[in-house]
Amino acid sequence: MAAGQRARRREERERLAAEAAEERAAAAARRARREARRQVLTGWVPRPAPVESGSLAARRRQRTGLVVAFVIAFNALVWLGTDQWAARTLFLLLSVLVAPIVVSILNRK
């Protein structure tokens, strides 16, 4: 009788293990299908560059942000201070051309 109970218990454990294996296989198949769909939808989009971390990168980001803020403030003052469209356009164009140079000078390696 003990041998029959052991056999039934072993059979039950094997059945539960088989069910768990089927569930894992089904979950893996769902994950694979989801990843394939995601790859099809987002495969053509380039991955963003990783953000640099560290004190030098933080200082570079801060300097760049300050230059951008200064350029925006300067253009706002010119926009409010003059009524001439030529002057507004000139200062906007100059700031767009000069800002990258200032950023590169400030963020020398």
Foldseek 3Di string as FASTA:
>chain_A
DVVVVVVVVVVVVVVVVVVVVVVVVVVVVVVVVVVVVVCVVCVVPDDDDDQDDDDLSVVLVVVLVVLVVVLVVVLVCQVVVDDDPVSSVVSNVVSVVCSVVVSCVVSPD
